[in-house]
Amino acid sequence: MLYEQLEKHINGLLQRKVEICLNNKTLKTGKLILFSVKDFYICFTLLINNVKKIYEMPYPFKFEYSNNNVILFYQEKYITFKDKKPLFYSDIFNVKCNKFLNQQVHIKNVE
């Protein structure tokens, strides 16, 4: 169910110029031409200076949609297991200092 809702909102951003931001820092800016889910990752295909670039991000624990922007939440408090981390937690964040862990990513429509 989370996937269908997220897909619906990201579909609204297709073929538009978007900005992917982490902590008010722009990570990528370009025209969103495709997105897909592969294992525990969302793959965004962006057109940047007429070159297709693929940008992968871990699948979020929660998301919100407002004003044509999508906010992806990676905070541990949104993991559904209350007492312990799920087994796949290490698969999602396979690096000890993953830049997305306990952060929010904003995908903004800049057109």
Protein backbone atom coordinates (compact mmCIF):
# COMPACT_ATOMS: atom_id res chain seq x y z
CA MET A 1 0.00 0.00 0.00
CA LEU A 2 2.85 2.40 0.79
CA TYR A 3 4.32 1.75 -2.65
CA GLU A 4 1.08 2.53 -4.50
CA GLN A 5 0.62 5.80 -2.63
CA LEU A 6 4.24 6.85 -3.17
CA GLU A 7 4.03 5.89 -6.85
CA LYS A 8 0.91 8.04 -7.30
CA HIS A 9 2.62 11.14 -5.91
CA ILE A 10 5.92 10.64 -7.73
CA ASN A 11 4.01 10.10 -10.98
CA GLY A 12 2.77 13.67 -10.55
CA LEU A 13 6.39 14.86 -10.73
CA LEU A 14 7.33 12.96 -13.90
CA GLN A 15 8.50 15.08 -16.84
CA ARG A 16 9.04 18.03 -14.51
CA LYS A 17 12.18 19.65 -13.20
CA VAL A 18 12.77 18.51 -9.64
CA GLU A 19 15.27 19.16 -6.90
CA ILE A 20 16.29 16.40 -4.48
CA CYS A 21 17.40 17.96 -1.19
CA LEU A 22 18.84 16.58 2.05
CA ASN A 23 19.00 19.00 5.00
CA ASN A 24 18.43 22.02 2.74
CA LYS A 25 21.37 20.93 0.59
CA THR A 26 20.59 20.14 -3.04
CA LEU A 27 21.80 16.66 -4.00
CA LYS A 28 20.48 16.55 -7.58
CA THR A 29 18.50 18.82 -9.90
CA GLY A 30 17.08 17.72 -13.21
CA LYS A 31 14.04 16.59 -15.16
CA LEU A 32 12.52 13.45 -13.61
CA ILE A 33 11.92 11.09 -16.52
CA LEU A 34 11.56 7.70 -14.79
CA PHE A 35 11.54 6.03 -11.41
CA SER A 36 11.46 2.41 -10.31
CA VAL A 37 11.89 0.31 -7.19
CA LYS A 38 14.70 -2.23 -7.10
CA ASP A 39 15.02 -4.33 -3.94
CA PHE A 40 15.23 -1.79 -1.09
CA TYR A 41 16.03 1.18 -3.32
CA ILE A 42 14.13 3.75 -5.35
CA CYS A 43 15.91 4.54 -8.61
CA PHE A 44 15.28 7.99 -10.09
CA THR A 45 16.34 8.65 -13.68
CA LEU A 46 17.03 12.33 -14.11
CA LEU A 47 17.87 14.26 -17.24
CA ILE A 48 20.71 16.59 -16.26
CA ASN A 49 22.24 18.73 -19.02
CA ASN A 50 20.77 16.37 -21.67
CA VAL A 51 22.45 13.36 -20.02
CA LYS A 52 20.48 10.62 -18.25
CA LYS A 53 21.71 9.98 -14.71
CA ILE A 54 20.37 7.34 -12.31
CA TYR A 55 20.19 8.28 -8.65
CA GLU A 56 19.44 5.55 -6.10
CA MET A 57 18.06 6.13 -2.63
CA PRO A 58 16.96 3.66 0.06
CA TYR A 59 13.21 3.08 0.22
CA PRO A 60 11.78 5.39 2.92
CA PHE A 61 10.15 4.26 6.15
CA LYS A 62 7.43 6.88 5.69
CA PHE A 63 6.55 9.65 3.26
CA GLU A 64 4.33 12.72 3.01
CA TYR A 65 3.03 14.72 0.08
CA SER A 66 2.21 18.42 0.16
CA ASN A 67 2.22 21.29 -2.32
CA ASN A 68 3.49 19.08 -5.15
CA ASN A 69 6.51 18.04 -3.06
CA VAL A 70 7.32 14.59 -1.69
CA ILE A 71 9.09 14.21 1.66
CA LEU A 72 10.83 10.89 2.36
CA PHE A 73 11.47 10.01 6.01
CA TYR A 74 14.40 7.81 7.02
CA GLN A 75 14.18 8.25 10.79
CA GLU A 76 14.42 5.09 12.87
CA LYS A 77 11.27 6.05 14.77
CA TYR A 78 9.22 5.23 11.66
CA ILE A 79 10.34 1.61 11.53
CA THR A 80 7.30 -0.46 12.44
CA PHE A 81 9.08 -2.75 14.90
CA LYS A 82 9.08 -1.13 18.33
CA ASP A 83 11.62 -3.17 20.31
CA LYS A 84 14.16 -4.24 17.74
CA LYS A 85 15.45 -3.35 14.34
CA PRO A 86 14.17 -5.52 11.51
CA LEU A 87 16.48 -8.07 9.93
CA PHE A 88 16.63 -6.19 6.64
CA TYR A 89 17.74 -2.98 8.36
CA SER A 90 21.37 -3.78 7.65
CA ASP A 91 20.52 -4.45 4.00
CA ILE A 92 18.93 -1.04 3.57
CA PHE A 93 21.67 0.91 5.31
CA ASN A 94 24.67 -1.26 4.55
CA VAL A 95 27.12 1.48 5.50
CA LYS A 96 27.56 2.53 9.12
CA CYS A 97 27.29 6.23 8.29
CA ASN A 98 24.66 6.28 5.57
CA LYS A 99 23.81 9.90 4.80
CA PHE A 100 20.06 9.20 4.71
CA LEU A 101 19.74 7.56 8.12
CA ASN A 102 17.69 9.72 10.53
CA GLN A 103 17.18 12.37 7.83
CA GLN A 104 14.44 13.69 5.55
CA VAL A 105 14.75 14.00 1.79
CA HIS A 106 12.60 16.53 -0.07
CA ILE A 107 11.76 16.06 -3.73
CA LYS A 108 10.57 19.47 -4.88
CA ASN A 109 8.94 20.53 -8.10
CA VAL A 110 10.92 23.59 -9.23
CA GLU A 111 8.95 24.44 -12.39
